[in-house]
């Protein structure tokens, strides 16, 4: 039985501190074939927790169960980075005007970088410079956001940016009075991301339906 998580463990971003290796193995077996972003994030968090565990090998040679799982998750994440993932859809299904998910968040790494489609916000050229910087370089993340947004230049980072913008489009299309100008700018930026960082690469994205 693992000791209860301390405040220091929580603040250091270890949500699976109290989860056994066997439980993580069971969940890995369930989601290892998935390419949904939430499952990929969970694998990243498993990997981070396993890194803290003291015994990944016996006498520096044979892998322990934790070490075997660490190796399997590492291989799977490497494969996912090469394979890519389904590009997020901006199609708004029927709804009542409510928002659909945790990505509706004004306080995001993109907003901290001054990305905005407000009338008095950055120009189209400036927005796309911000998106380039967000994809290729460091972003201003807060507690645990770094795992969600991925590393610079990776498939995970590109997916998260596209998913974030696509969610804004879907949420706003569902409003009783959709902000058409903003929606058009978001969709234009998603299309530009595809042309700039998807076309001609090995990422296996499915282009979003609008």
Protein backbone atom coordinates (compact mmCIF):
# COMPACT_ATOMS: atom_id res chain seq x y z
CA UNK A 1 0.00 0.00 0.00
CA UNK A 2 1.43 3.37 -1.05
CA UNK A 3 1.58 6.19 1.47
CA UNK A 4 -1.13 8.91 1.18
CA UNK A 5 -0.24 11.65 -1.26
CA UNK A 6 1.26 14.69 0.40
CA UNK A 7 0.64 18.31 -0.52
CA UNK A 8 4.07 18.34 -2.15
CA UNK A 9 3.14 15.35 -4.33
CA UNK A 10 -0.08 17.04 -5.45
CA UNK A 11 1.63 20.32 -6.21
CA UNK A 12 4.34 18.56 -8.21
CA UNK A 13 1.73 17.15 -10.57
CA UNK A 14 1.48 13.47 -9.58
CA UNK A 15 -2.22 12.62 -9.93
CA UNK A 16 -1.40 8.87 -10.07
CA UNK A 17 0.78 8.79 -6.97
CA UNK A 18 -1.66 6.46 -5.19
CA UNK A 19 -2.37 4.31 -8.26
CA UNK A 20 -0.71 0.89 -8.32
CA UNK A 21 1.42 -0.23 -11.24
CA UNK A 22 -1.04 -3.11 -11.78
CA UNK A 23 -3.96 -0.67 -12.09
CA UNK A 24 -2.02 1.43 -14.60
CA UNK A 25 -1.16 -1.74 -16.52
CA UNK A 26 -4.87 -2.67 -16.70
CA UNK A 27 -5.79 0.78 -17.99
CA UNK A 28 -2.92 0.74 -20.49
CA UNK A 29 -4.21 -2.57 -21.86
CA UNK A 30 -7.61 -0.93 -22.36
CA UNK A 31 -6.44 2.26 -24.12
CA UNK A 32 -3.13 1.33 -25.77
CA UNK A 33 -4.75 1.23 -29.21
CA UNK A 34 -6.57 4.55 -28.75
CA UNK A 35 -5.65 7.77 -30.50
CA UNK A 36 -8.06 9.96 -28.51
CA UNK A 37 -6.21 12.89 -26.97
CA UNK A 38 -7.58 12.22 -23.45
CA UNK A 39 -6.17 8.68 -23.54
CA UNK A 40 -2.82 9.93 -24.85
CA UNK A 41 -2.65 12.45 -22.02
CA UNK A 42 -3.38 9.69 -19.52
CA UNK A 43 -0.49 7.62 -20.92
CA UNK A 44 1.80 10.64 -20.56
CA UNK A 45 0.76 11.02 -16.92
CA UNK A 46 1.33 7.29 -16.30
CA UNK A 47 4.81 7.62 -17.78
CA UNK A 48 5.56 10.63 -15.59
CA UNK A 49 4.47 8.76 -12.44
CA UNK A 50 6.43 5.62 -13.32
CA UNK A 51 9.53 7.76 -13.73
CA UNK A 52 9.34 8.57 -10.00
CA UNK A 53 9.14 4.94 -8.90
CA UNK A 54 12.41 3.67 -7.49
CA UNK A 55 12.65 0.19 -8.96
CA UNK A 56 12.29 0.06 -12.74
CA UNK A 57 15.00 -2.63 -12.98
CA UNK A 58 16.28 -5.38 -10.69
CA UNK A 59 20.00 -5.02 -10.00
CA UNK A 60 20.19 -2.66 -12.96
CA UNK A 61 19.31 -5.44 -15.43
CA UNK A 62 15.88 -7.06 -15.57
CA UNK A 63 12.84 -4.82 -15.78
CA UNK A 64 10.38 -4.82 -12.88
CA UNK A 65 6.62 -4.64 -13.67
CA UNK A 66 6.88 -0.85 -13.38
CA UNK A 67 9.88 -0.86 -15.70
CA UNK A 68 8.12 -3.07 -18.26
CA UNK A 69 5.11 -0.76 -18.27
CA UNK A 70 7.35 2.31 -18.57
CA UNK A 71 9.00 0.73 -21.62
CA UNK A 72 5.66 -0.22 -23.25
CA UNK A 73 4.16 3.24 -22.73
CA UNK A 74 7.32 4.91 -24.09
CA UNK A 75 7.15 2.78 -27.25
CA UNK A 76 3.45 3.50 -27.70
CA UNK A 77 3.91 7.26 -27.32
CA UNK A 78 6.78 7.18 -29.83
CA UNK A 79 4.51 5.33 -32.27
CA UNK A 80 1.71 7.86 -31.75
CA UNK A 81 4.08 10.74 -32.41
CA UNK A 82 5.01 9.14 -35.75
CA UNK A 83 1.48 8.08 -36.68
CA UNK A 84 -0.29 11.33 -35.87
CA UNK A 85 -3.97 11.38 -34.93
CA UNK A 86 -7.38 12.37 -36.21
CA UNK A 87 -7.65 16.11 -36.84
CA UNK A 88 -10.38 17.61 -34.64
CA UNK A 89 -13.73 18.47 -36.19
CA UNK A 90 -15.24 21.96 -36.08
CA UNK A 91 -18.67 20.67 -37.02
CA UNK A 92 -21.28 21.69 -34.45
CA UNK A 93 -23.76 18.89 -33.85
CA UNK A 94 -27.26 19.68 -32.63
CA UNK A 95 -27.32 21.32 -29.22
CA UNK A 96 -28.99 23.87 -27.03
CA UNK A 97 -26.33 26.56 -27.06
CA UNK A 98 -24.33 25.10 -24.19
CA UNK A 99 -20.57 24.62 -24.28
CA UNK A 100 -18.99 21.22 -24.85
CA UNK A 101 -15.91 20.51 -22.82
CA UNK A 102 -13.01 21.77 -20.77
CA UNK A 103 -11.22 23.51 -23.64
CA UNK A 104 -13.53 26.54 -23.36
CA UNK A 105 -11.15 28.48 -21.18
CA UNK A 106 -10.29 32.13 -21.64
CA UNK A 107 -7.16 31.63 -19.54
CA UNK A 108 -5.18 29.37 -21.87
CA UNK A 109 -1.58 29.30 -23.13
CA UNK A 110 -2.80 30.85 -26.40
CA UNK A 111 -4.60 33.70 -24.67
CA UNK A 112 -1.52 34.31 -22.51
CA UNK A 113 0.42 34.69 -25.76
CA UNK A 114 -2.19 37.31 -26.79
CA UNK A 115 -3.93 35.14 -29.38
CA UNK A 116 -7.41 36.58 -29.93
CA UNK A 117 -9.99 37.16 -32.67
CA UNK A 118 -11.44 40.19 -30.91
CA UNK A 119 -12.14 43.15 -33.18
CA UNK A 120 -9.41 45.16 -31.45
CA UNK A 121 -7.05 42.17 -31.20
CA UNK A 122 -4.08 41.07 -33.32
CA UNK A 123 -4.27 41.06 -37.11
CA UNK A 124 -4.50 37.84 -39.10
CA UNK A 125 -0.74 37.92 -39.70
CA UNK A 126 -0.04 38.52 -36.01
CA UNK A 127 -2.41 35.71 -34.94
CA UNK A 128 -0.60 33.26 -37.16
CA UNK A 129 2.78 34.39 -35.88
CA UNK A 130 1.47 33.60 -32.38
CA UNK A 131 0.24 30.17 -33.53
CA UNK A 132 3.65 29.44 -35.10
CA UNK A 133 5.39 30.41 -31.86
CA UNK A 134 2.95 28.28 -29.86
CA UNK A 135 3.59 25.23 -32.05
CA UNK A 136 7.37 25.53 -32.37
CA UNK A 137 8.47 26.99 -29.05
CA UNK A 138 7.80 27.24 -25.32
CA UNK A 139 4.33 28.27 -24.18
CA UNK A 140 3.23 29.87 -20.87
CA UNK A 141 1.69 26.86 -19.13
CA UNK A 142 0.37 26.57 -15.61
CA UNK A 143 0.16 23.59 -13.25
CA UNK A 144 -0.16 20.31 -15.24
CA UNK A 145 -0.87 22.11 -18.54
CA UNK A 146 2.53 21.13 -19.94
CA UNK A 147 1.45 17.47 -20.09
CA UNK A 148 -1.76 18.41 -21.90
CA UNK A 149 -0.17 20.72 -24.48
CA UNK A 150 2.81 18.49 -25.32
CA UNK A 151 6.34 19.38 -26.38
CA UNK A 152 7.23 22.01 -29.03
CA UNK A 153 7.05 20.80 -32.62
CA UNK A 154 5.33 17.50 -31.82
CA UNK A 155 2.11 15.98 -33.09
CA UNK A 156 0.65 16.34 -29.59
CA UNK A 157 1.30 20.12 -29.54
CA UNK A 158 -0.18 20.63 -33.02
CA UNK A 159 -3.22 18.54 -32.15
CA UNK A 160 -3.86 20.46 -28.94
CA UNK A 161 -3.71 23.84 -30.69
CA UNK A 162 -6.03 22.64 -33.46
CA UNK A 163 -8.36 20.97 -30.95
CA UNK A 164 -8.53 24.12 -28.87
CA UNK A 165 -9.48 26.29 -31.86
CA UNK A 166 -11.91 23.69 -33.21
CA UNK A 167 -13.65 23.57 -29.82
CA UNK A 168 -14.04 27.35 -29.85
CA UNK A 169 -15.66 27.07 -33.29
CA UNK A 170 -18.04 24.28 -32.23
CA UNK A 171 -19.03 26.04 -29.02
CA UNK A 172 -19.73 29.32 -30.75
CA UNK A 173 -21.64 27.75 -33.63
CA UNK A 174 -24.07 26.39 -31.04
CA UNK A 175 -24.89 29.82 -29.66
CA UNK A 176 -28.31 31.21 -30.46
CA UNK A 177 -26.57 34.19 -32.08
CA UNK A 178 -23.25 32.80 -33.38
CA UNK A 179 -20.41 35.36 -33.69
CA UNK A 180 -19.88 34.78 -37.40
CA UNK A 181 -16.83 37.04 -37.78
CA UNK A 182 -14.96 35.27 -34.96
CA UNK A 183 -15.97 31.83 -36.22
CA UNK A 184 -14.67 32.68 -39.68
CA UNK A 185 -11.33 33.82 -38.28
CA UNK A 186 -10.92 30.72 -36.09
CA UNK A 187 -11.77 28.43 -39.02
CA UNK A 188 -9.35 30.37 -41.21
CA UNK A 189 -6.60 29.86 -38.64
CA UNK A 190 -7.33 26.12 -38.39
CA UNK A 191 -7.13 25.85 -42.19
CA UNK A 192 -3.86 27.79 -42.17
CA UNK A 193 -2.43 25.44 -39.53
CA UNK A 194 -3.19 22.49 -41.79
CA UNK A 195 -1.54 24.09 -44.81
CA UNK A 196 1.48 25.18 -42.82
CA UNK A 197 2.19 22.25 -40.50
CA UNK A 198 0.19 19.24 -41.69
CA UNK A 199 0.32 19.12 -45.49
CA UNK A 200 3.42 17.30 -46.69
CA UNK A 201 4.21 15.76 -43.28
CA UNK A 202 3.84 12.23 -41.96
CA UNK A 203 0.97 13.21 -39.63
CA UNK A 204 -2.16 11.20 -40.45
CA UNK A 205 -4.73 13.87 -39.74
CA UNK A 206 -8.32 13.90 -40.92
CA UNK A 207 -9.22 17.42 -42.00
CA UNK A 208 -12.07 18.91 -39.91
CA UNK A 209 -15.59 19.17 -41.29
CA UNK A 210 -16.99 22.72 -41.09
